[in-house]
């Protein structure tokens, strides 16, 4: 029997540990592209190609609107929009701690580099108490995000 206990995840952007995370899926890493492609041709011949864009990862971060982390990320985004050519690309780490139920912990770590913001932060007004109006959602894309298990 295998067991997986998770908790105490850490998200870091440019050496800042994000602490003002919202509810639900507050951080999501999604590799949008395939790592390799396969094409079968005539007579069963097969062509394989490594897809460099498979190294990319889209990162969605949900922070409390108006929080210190919201102000920090907004400042980075403003800097990028003000002068894209001189913007220093983002770095990041996502560390998930996974226990086996017997006291052993594995660190599931993504080391991200070459990051930029890909969408502006939206907003909403809702009179029925929708908590989403208190969340700022940032979407970033990193060129590289290798995963290690230690």
C-alpha atoms as a PDB file:
ATOM      1  CA  UNK A   1       0.000   0.000   0.000  1.00  0.00           C
ATOM      2  CA  UNK A   2       1.255   3.475  -0.889  1.00  0.00           C
ATOM      3  CA  UNK A   3       0.329   6.648   0.945  1.00  0.00           C
ATOM      4  CA  UNK A   4       0.712  10.298  -0.066  1.00  0.00           C
ATOM      5  CA  UNK A   5       0.336  13.089   2.510  1.00  0.00           C
ATOM      6  CA  UNK A   6       0.706  16.639   1.210  1.00  0.00           C
ATOM      7  CA  UNK A   7       0.855  20.020   2.838  1.00  0.00           C
ATOM      8  CA  UNK A   8       3.113  22.976   3.596  1.00  0.00           C
ATOM      9  CA  UNK A   9       3.571  23.762  -0.105  1.00  0.00           C
ATOM     10  CA  UNK A  10       5.757  26.767  -0.909  1.00  0.00           C
ATOM     11  CA  UNK A  11       5.571  29.104  -3.908  1.00  0.00           C
ATOM     12  CA  UNK A  12       8.446  31.500  -4.552  1.00  0.00           C
ATOM     13  CA  UNK A  13       8.627  34.229  -7.198  1.00  0.00           C
ATOM     14  CA  UNK A  14      11.943  36.104  -7.516  1.00  0.00           C
ATOM     15  CA  UNK A  15      13.096  34.896  -4.080  1.00  0.00           C
ATOM     16  CA  UNK A  16       9.853  36.060  -2.389  1.00  0.00           C
ATOM     17  CA  UNK A  17       7.816  33.377  -0.619  1.00  0.00           C
ATOM     18  CA  UNK A  18       4.155  34.069  -1.379  1.00  0.00           C
ATOM     19  CA  UNK A  19       2.026  33.985   1.765  1.00  0.00           C
ATOM     20  CA  UNK A  20      -1.180  35.834   0.839  1.00  0.00           C
ATOM     21  CA  UNK A  21      -2.646  32.979  -1.195  1.00  0.00           C
ATOM     22  CA  UNK A  22      -6.405  32.731  -1.708  1.00  0.00           C
ATOM     23  CA  UNK A  23      -8.710  29.734  -1.519  1.00  0.00           C
ATOM     24  CA  UNK A  24      -9.044  26.597  -3.635  1.00  0.00           C
ATOM     25  CA  UNK A  25      -6.393  26.040  -6.277  1.00  0.00           C
ATOM     26  CA  UNK A  26      -4.298  29.012  -5.175  1.00  0.00           C
ATOM     27  CA  UNK A  27      -1.305  27.966  -7.313  1.00  0.00           C
ATOM     28  CA  UNK A  28      -1.534  25.817 -10.419  1.00  0.00           C
ATOM     29  CA  UNK A  29       1.318  24.697 -12.680  1.00  0.00           C
ATOM     30  CA  UNK A  30       0.178  23.520 -16.108  1.00  0.00           C
ATOM     31  CA  UNK A  31       2.567  22.452 -18.881  1.00  0.00           C
ATOM     32  CA  UNK A  32       0.529  23.472 -21.971  1.00  0.00           C
ATOM     33  CA  UNK A  33       2.576  21.700 -24.635  1.00  0.00           C
ATOM     34  CA  UNK A  34       3.596  18.137 -25.416  1.00  0.00           C
ATOM     35  CA  UNK A  35       7.199  17.096 -24.714  1.00  0.00           C
ATOM     36  CA  UNK A  36       7.393  15.005 -27.860  1.00  0.00           C
ATOM     37  CA  UNK A  37       5.407  14.352 -30.987  1.00  0.00           C
ATOM     38  CA  UNK A  38       4.971  11.101 -32.823  1.00  0.00           C
ATOM     39  CA  UNK A  39       3.931  10.717 -36.464  1.00  0.00           C
ATOM     40  CA  UNK A  40       3.349   7.361 -38.115  1.00  0.00           C
ATOM     41  CA  UNK A  41       3.865   7.267 -41.861  1.00  0.00           C
ATOM     42  CA  UNK A  42       3.764   4.855 -44.756  1.00  0.00           C
ATOM     43  CA  UNK A  43       4.721   1.233 -44.094  1.00  0.00           C
ATOM     44  CA  UNK A  44       4.558   1.833 -40.332  1.00  0.00           C
ATOM     45  CA  UNK A  45       7.583   4.161 -40.347  1.00  0.00           C
ATOM     46  CA  UNK A  46       7.528   6.371 -37.286  1.00  0.00           C
ATOM     47  CA  UNK A  47       9.019   9.815 -36.764  1.00  0.00           C
ATOM     48  CA  UNK A  48       9.686  11.113 -33.242  1.00  0.00           C
ATOM     49  CA  UNK A  49      10.567  14.702 -32.438  1.00  0.00           C
ATOM     50  CA  UNK A  50      11.355  16.360 -29.129  1.00  0.00           C
ATOM     51  CA  UNK A  51       9.273  19.513 -28.706  1.00  0.00           C
ATOM     52  CA  UNK A  52      11.282  22.237 -26.940  1.00  0.00           C
ATOM     53  CA  UNK A  53       8.079  24.114 -26.087  1.00  0.00           C
ATOM     54  CA  UNK A  54       7.164  21.154 -23.881  1.00  0.00           C
ATOM     55  CA  UNK A  55       9.508  22.639 -21.265  1.00  0.00           C
ATOM     56  CA  UNK A  56       7.182  25.636 -20.776  1.00  0.00           C
ATOM     57  CA  UNK A  57       4.802  25.885 -17.853  1.00  0.00           C
ATOM     58  CA  UNK A  58       1.847  28.193 -17.272  1.00  0.00           C
ATOM     59  CA  UNK A  59       1.527  29.231 -13.637  1.00  0.00           C
ATOM     60  CA  UNK A  60      -1.711  30.629 -12.238  1.00  0.00           C
ATOM     61  CA  UNK A  61      -1.448  32.320  -8.840  1.00  0.00           C
ATOM     62  CA  UNK A  62      -4.498  33.407  -6.834  1.00  0.00           C
ATOM     63  CA  UNK A  63      -3.689  35.947  -4.117  1.00  0.00           C
ATOM     64  CA  UNK A  64      -5.851  38.051  -1.820  1.00  0.00           C
ATOM     65  CA  UNK A  65      -6.732  41.297  -3.594  1.00  0.00           C
ATOM     66  CA  UNK A  66      -4.898  44.274  -2.082  1.00  0.00           C
ATOM     67  CA  UNK A  67      -2.514  42.083  -0.046  1.00  0.00           C
ATOM     68  CA  UNK A  68       1.253  42.568   0.161  1.00  0.00           C
ATOM     69  CA  UNK A  69       1.767  39.760  -2.386  1.00  0.00           C
ATOM     70  CA  UNK A  70      -0.802  41.346  -4.733  1.00  0.00           C
ATOM     71  CA  UNK A  71       1.086  44.642  -4.519  1.00  0.00           C
ATOM     72  CA  UNK A  72       4.419  42.864  -5.084  1.00  0.00           C
ATOM     73  CA  UNK A  73       3.227  40.928  -8.149  1.00  0.00           C
ATOM     74  CA  UNK A  74       1.426  43.988  -9.528  1.00  0.00           C
ATOM     75  CA  UNK A  75       4.654  45.985  -9.186  1.00  0.00           C
ATOM     76  CA  UNK A  76       6.567  43.340 -11.153  1.00  0.00           C
ATOM     77  CA  UNK A  77       3.880  43.306 -13.832  1.00  0.00           C
ATOM     78  CA  UNK A  78       3.876  47.110 -14.039  1.00  0.00           C
ATOM     79  CA  UNK A  79       7.647  47.053 -14.450  1.00  0.00           C
ATOM     80  CA  UNK A  80       7.344  44.544 -17.293  1.00  0.00           C
ATOM     81  CA  UNK A  81       4.651  46.600 -19.061  1.00  0.00           C
ATOM     82  CA  UNK A  82       6.572  49.873 -18.608  1.00  0.00           C
ATOM     83  CA  UNK A  83       9.717  48.661 -20.377  1.00  0.00           C
ATOM     84  CA  UNK A  84       9.505  45.112 -21.680  1.00  0.00           C
ATOM     85  CA  UNK A  85      12.969  45.183 -23.271  1.00  0.00           C
ATOM     86  CA  UNK A  86      14.706  45.878 -19.963  1.00  0.00           C
ATOM     87  CA  UNK A  87      12.494  43.623 -17.826  1.00  0.00           C
ATOM     88  CA  UNK A  88      14.443  41.049 -15.821  1.00  0.00           C
ATOM     89  CA  UNK A  89      12.772  37.691 -16.445  1.00  0.00           C
ATOM     90  CA  UNK A  90      11.084  36.064 -13.461  1.00  0.00           C
ATOM     91  CA  UNK A  91      12.356  33.049 -11.599  1.00  0.00           C
ATOM     92  CA  UNK A  92      10.398  30.830  -9.273  1.00  0.00           C
ATOM     93  CA  UNK A  93      10.127  27.658  -7.298  1.00  0.00           C
ATOM     94  CA  UNK A  94       7.163  25.518  -6.421  1.00  0.00           C
ATOM     95  CA  UNK A  95       7.873  23.030  -3.641  1.00  0.00           C
ATOM     96  CA  UNK A  96       5.348  20.382  -2.649  1.00  0.00           C
ATOM     97  CA  UNK A  97       6.195  18.310   0.421  1.00  0.00           C
ATOM     98  CA  UNK A  98       4.875  14.760   0.178  1.00  0.00           C
ATOM     99  CA  UNK A  99       4.910  12.351   3.124  1.00  0.00           C
ATOM    100  CA  UNK A 100       4.605   8.577   2.964  1.00  0.00           C
ATOM    101  CA  UNK A 101       2.816   8.137   6.304  1.00  0.00           C
ATOM    102  CA  UNK A 102       5.945   6.672   7.895  1.00  0.00           C
ATOM    103  CA  UNK A 103       7.810   9.910   8.542  1.00  0.00           C
ATOM    104  CA  UNK A 104       9.630  10.115   5.196  1.00  0.00           C
ATOM    105  CA  UNK A 105       9.162  13.294   3.161  1.00  0.00           C
ATOM    106  CA  UNK A 106       9.866  13.813  -0.542  1.00  0.00           C
ATOM    107  CA  UNK A 107      10.293  17.306  -1.942  1.00  0.00           C
ATOM    108  CA  UNK A 108       8.548  17.594  -5.313  1.00  0.00           C
ATOM    109  CA  UNK A 109      10.197  20.741  -6.700  1.00  0.00           C
ATOM    110  CA  UNK A 110       9.805  22.757  -9.891  1.00  0.00           C
ATOM    111  CA  UNK A 111      12.600  25.261 -10.588  1.00  0.00           C
ATOM    112  CA  UNK A 112      11.172  27.854 -12.975  1.00  0.00           C
ATOM    113  CA  UNK A 113      13.098  30.337 -15.116  1.00  0.00           C
ATOM    114  CA  UNK A 114      12.459  32.760 -17.955  1.00  0.00           C
ATOM    115  CA  UNK A 115       9.097  33.963 -16.670  1.00  0.00           C
ATOM    116  CA  UNK A 116       6.778  36.734 -17.817  1.00  0.00           C
ATOM    117  CA  UNK A 117       3.224  37.799 -17.034  1.00  0.00           C
ATOM    118  CA  UNK A 118       0.871  36.729 -19.830  1.00  0.00           C
ATOM    119  CA  UNK A 119      -2.457  38.307 -18.805  1.00  0.00           C
ATOM    120  CA  UNK A 120      -3.669  41.350 -16.928  1.00  0.00           C
ATOM    121  CA  UNK A 121      -5.483  40.868 -13.619  1.00  0.00           C
ATOM    122  CA  UNK A 122      -9.252  41.034 -13.995  1.00  0.00           C
ATOM    123  CA  UNK A 123     -11.847  42.321 -11.538  1.00  0.00           C
ATOM    124  CA  UNK A 124     -15.516  41.907 -10.720  1.00  0.00           C
ATOM    125  CA  UNK A 125     -18.248  43.428  -8.591  1.00  0.00           C
ATOM    126  CA  UNK A 126     -20.841  41.027  -7.197  1.00  0.00           C
ATOM    127  CA  UNK A 127     -23.676  41.989  -4.852  1.00  0.00           C
ATOM    128  CA  UNK A 128     -24.422  38.375  -3.855  1.00  0.00           C
ATOM    129  CA  UNK A 129     -21.241  37.865  -1.856  1.00  0.00           C
ATOM    130  CA  UNK A 130     -19.085  36.102  -4.465  1.00  0.00           C
ATOM    131  CA  UNK A 131     -15.672  35.761  -2.801  1.00  0.00           C
ATOM    132  CA  UNK A 132     -13.924  35.797  -6.207  1.00  0.00           C
ATOM    133  CA  UNK A 133     -14.184  39.605  -6.138  1.00  0.00           C
ATOM    134  CA  UNK A 134     -11.549  39.543  -3.368  1.00  0.00           C
ATOM    135  CA  UNK A 135      -9.021  37.530  -5.403  1.00  0.00           C
ATOM    136  CA  UNK A 136      -6.373  38.727  -7.867  1.00  0.00           C
ATOM    137  CA  UNK A 137      -5.437  36.102 -10.428  1.00  0.00           C
ATOM    138  CA  UNK A 138      -2.017  36.288 -12.055  1.00  0.00           C
ATOM    139  CA  UNK A 139      -1.073  34.198 -15.063  1.00  0.00           C
ATOM    140  CA  UNK A 140       2.613  33.737 -15.798  1.00  0.00           C
ATOM    141  CA  UNK A 141       4.527  31.640 -18.268  1.00  0.00           C
ATOM    142  CA  UNK A 142       8.002  30.241 -17.637  1.00  0.00           C
ATOM    143  CA  UNK A 143      10.229  28.971 -20.447  1.00  0.00           C
ATOM    144  CA  UNK A 144      11.704  26.231 -18.268  1.00  0.00           C
ATOM    145  CA  UNK A 145      10.352  24.329 -15.266  1.00  0.00           C
ATOM    146  CA  UNK A 146      12.227  21.078 -14.643  1.00  0.00           C
ATOM    147  CA  UNK A 147      10.852  18.874 -11.872  1.00  0.00           C
ATOM    148  CA  UNK A 148      12.984  17.084  -9.282  1.00  0.00           C
ATOM    149  CA  UNK A 149      12.059  14.630  -6.538  1.00  0.00           C
ATOM    150  CA  UNK A 150      14.424  14.543  -3.553  1.00  0.00           C
END
